[in-house]
Amino acid sequence: MENKEIIDRIHSFLIEEFEVEPEKILPEANLKETLGLDSLDYIDLVVVIESNFAFKVKPEDFTHIATLQDFYDYVISKVNSKELA
């Protein structure tokens, strides 16, 4: 899966599932503050990630994710490592 396809899919579910305004979806956007995601949203986000990208998310993986770019990098690395396995 190409990086652009992964990012487009992330944007799509942020808009549809979490009602994030498209203009707020920027790489430097903070997931909690700018996008307005709370702890319950993170649980939903894990479910959406697992169903969209078919890999298991560990809660500790989110400790290093602050911005949307961090989130892109995390999902892309997981998808790429899964494809190499």
C-alpha atoms as a PDB file:
ATOM      1  CA  MET A   1       0.000   0.000   0.000  1.00  0.00           C
ATOM      2  CA  GLU A   2       1.387   3.406  -1.003  1.00  0.00           C
ATOM      3  CA  ASN A   3       1.960   6.097   1.643  1.00  0.00           C
ATOM      4  CA  LYS A   4      -0.485   8.475  -0.067  1.00  0.00           C
ATOM      5  CA  GLU A   5      -3.186   5.805  -0.010  1.00  0.00           C
ATOM      6  CA  ILE A   6      -2.598   5.253   3.719  1.00  0.00           C
ATOM      7  CA  ILE A   7      -2.756   9.003   4.438  1.00  0.00           C
ATOM      8  CA  ASP A   8      -5.898   9.408   2.305  1.00  0.00           C
ATOM      9  CA  ARG A   9      -7.564   6.568   4.196  1.00  0.00           C
ATOM     10  CA  ILE A  10      -6.605   8.162   7.531  1.00  0.00           C
ATOM     11  CA  HIS A  11      -8.081  11.495   6.392  1.00  0.00           C
ATOM     12  CA  SER A  12     -11.248   9.758   5.269  1.00  0.00           C
ATOM     13  CA  PHE A  13     -11.937   8.067   8.600  1.00  0.00           C
ATOM     14  CA  LEU A  14     -10.990  11.168  10.605  1.00  0.00           C
ATOM     15  CA  ILE A  15     -13.630  13.109   8.669  1.00  0.00           C
ATOM     16  CA  GLU A  16     -16.297  10.388   8.605  1.00  0.00           C
ATOM     17  CA  GLU A  17     -15.868   8.629  11.958  1.00  0.00           C
ATOM     18  CA  PHE A  18     -14.577  11.478  14.133  1.00  0.00           C
ATOM     19  CA  GLU A  19     -16.206  14.458  12.382  1.00  0.00           C
ATOM     20  CA  VAL A  20     -12.901  16.327  12.102  1.00  0.00           C
ATOM     21  CA  GLU A  21     -13.159  19.368   9.853  1.00  0.00           C
ATOM     22  CA  PRO A  22     -11.045  18.754   6.716  1.00  0.00           C
ATOM     23  CA  GLU A  23      -9.202  22.079   7.050  1.00  0.00           C
ATOM     24  CA  LYS A  24      -7.901  21.000  10.486  1.00  0.00           C
ATOM     25  CA  ILE A  25      -6.242  17.893   9.049  1.00  0.00           C
ATOM     26  CA  LEU A  26      -2.646  19.071   8.733  1.00  0.00           C
ATOM     27  CA  PRO A  27       0.566  17.110   9.440  1.00  0.00           C
ATOM     28  CA  GLU A  28       1.477  19.429  12.331  1.00  0.00           C
ATOM     29  CA  ALA A  29      -1.999  19.195  13.917  1.00  0.00           C
ATOM     30  CA  ASN A  30      -1.989  17.916  17.483  1.00  0.00           C
ATOM     31  CA  LEU A  31      -4.312  14.915  17.797  1.00  0.00           C
ATOM     32  CA  LYS A  32      -5.752  15.934  21.156  1.00  0.00           C
ATOM     33  CA  GLU A  33      -5.874  19.716  20.889  1.00  0.00           C
ATOM     34  CA  THR A  34      -6.344  20.587  17.225  1.00  0.00           C
ATOM     35  CA  LEU A  35      -8.409  17.566  16.230  1.00  0.00           C
ATOM     36  CA  GLY A  36     -10.314  17.395  19.507  1.00  0.00           C
ATOM     37  CA  LEU A  37      -9.765  13.682  20.127  1.00  0.00           C
ATOM     38  CA  ASP A  38     -10.334  12.507  23.698  1.00  0.00           C
ATOM     39  CA  SER A  39      -9.539   9.217  25.437  1.00  0.00           C
ATOM     40  CA  LEU A  40     -12.734   7.542  24.181  1.00  0.00           C
ATOM     41  CA  ASP A  41     -11.909   8.668  20.645  1.00  0.00           C
ATOM     42  CA  TYR A  42      -8.512   6.985  20.983  1.00  0.00           C
ATOM     43  CA  ILE A  43     -10.247   3.683  21.741  1.00  0.00           C
ATOM     44  CA  ASP A  44     -12.418   4.128  18.662  1.00  0.00           C
ATOM     45  CA  LEU A  45      -9.335   5.139  16.685  1.00  0.00           C
ATOM     46  CA  VAL A  46      -7.619   1.859  17.608  1.00  0.00           C
ATOM     47  CA  VAL A  47     -10.638  -0.106  16.346  1.00  0.00           C
ATOM     48  CA  VAL A  48     -10.735   1.889  13.101  1.00  0.00           C
ATOM     49  CA  ILE A  49      -6.983   1.462  12.539  1.00  0.00           C
ATOM     50  CA  GLU A  50      -7.144  -2.282  13.137  1.00  0.00           C
ATOM     51  CA  SER A  51     -10.097  -2.739  10.781  1.00  0.00           C
ATOM     52  CA  ASN A  52      -8.665  -0.485   8.038  1.00  0.00           C
ATOM     53  CA  PHE A  53      -5.063  -1.617   8.106  1.00  0.00           C
ATOM     54  CA  ALA A  54      -5.241  -5.148   9.585  1.00  0.00           C
ATOM     55  CA  PHE A  55      -2.634  -4.863  12.330  1.00  0.00           C
ATOM     56  CA  LYS A  56      -2.896  -4.888  16.116  1.00  0.00           C
ATOM     57  CA  VAL A  57      -2.350  -1.635  17.965  1.00  0.00           C
ATOM     58  CA  LYS A  58      -0.717  -1.672  21.384  1.00  0.00           C
ATOM     59  CA  PRO A  59      -1.780   1.124  23.764  1.00  0.00           C
ATOM     60  CA  GLU A  60       1.862   1.961  24.490  1.00  0.00           C
ATOM     61  CA  ASP A  61       2.370   2.725  20.781  1.00  0.00           C
ATOM     62  CA  PHE A  62       0.348   5.912  21.268  1.00  0.00           C
ATOM     63  CA  THR A  63       2.689   7.348  23.918  1.00  0.00           C
ATOM     64  CA  HIS A  64       4.960   8.741  21.188  1.00  0.00           C
ATOM     65  CA  ILE A  65       2.188  10.048  18.928  1.00  0.00           C
ATOM     66  CA  ALA A  66       1.389  13.733  19.367  1.00  0.00           C
ATOM     67  CA  THR A  67       0.838  15.115  15.873  1.00  0.00           C
ATOM     68  CA  LEU A  68      -0.944  13.850  12.820  1.00  0.00           C
ATOM     69  CA  GLN A  69       2.475  13.397  11.153  1.00  0.00           C
ATOM     70  CA  ASP A  70       3.507  11.110  14.042  1.00  0.00           C
ATOM     71  CA  PHE A  71       0.298   9.178  13.449  1.00  0.00           C
ATOM     72  CA  TYR A  72       0.955   8.894   9.686  1.00  0.00           C
ATOM     73  CA  ASP A  73       4.499   7.669  10.358  1.00  0.00           C
ATOM     74  CA  TYR A  74       3.266   5.103  12.881  1.00  0.00           C
ATOM     75  CA  VAL A  75       0.596   3.629  10.580  1.00  0.00           C
ATOM     76  CA  ILE A  76       2.895   3.665   7.535  1.00  0.00           C
ATOM     77  CA  SER A  77       5.684   1.866   9.422  1.00  0.00           C
ATOM     78  CA  LYS A  78       3.259  -0.760  10.754  1.00  0.00           C
ATOM     79  CA  VAL A  79       1.692  -1.356   7.321  1.00  0.00           C
ATOM     80  CA  ASN A  80       5.138  -1.565   5.657  1.00  0.00           C
ATOM     81  CA  SER A  81       6.523  -3.964   8.267  1.00  0.00           C
ATOM     82  CA  LYS A  82       3.412  -6.139   7.934  1.00  0.00           C
ATOM     83  CA  GLU A  83       3.829  -6.244   4.147  1.00  0.00           C
ATOM     84  CA  LEU A  84       7.477  -7.276   4.491  1.00  0.00           C
ATOM     85  CA  ALA A  85       6.659 -10.138   6.859  1.00  0.00           C
END
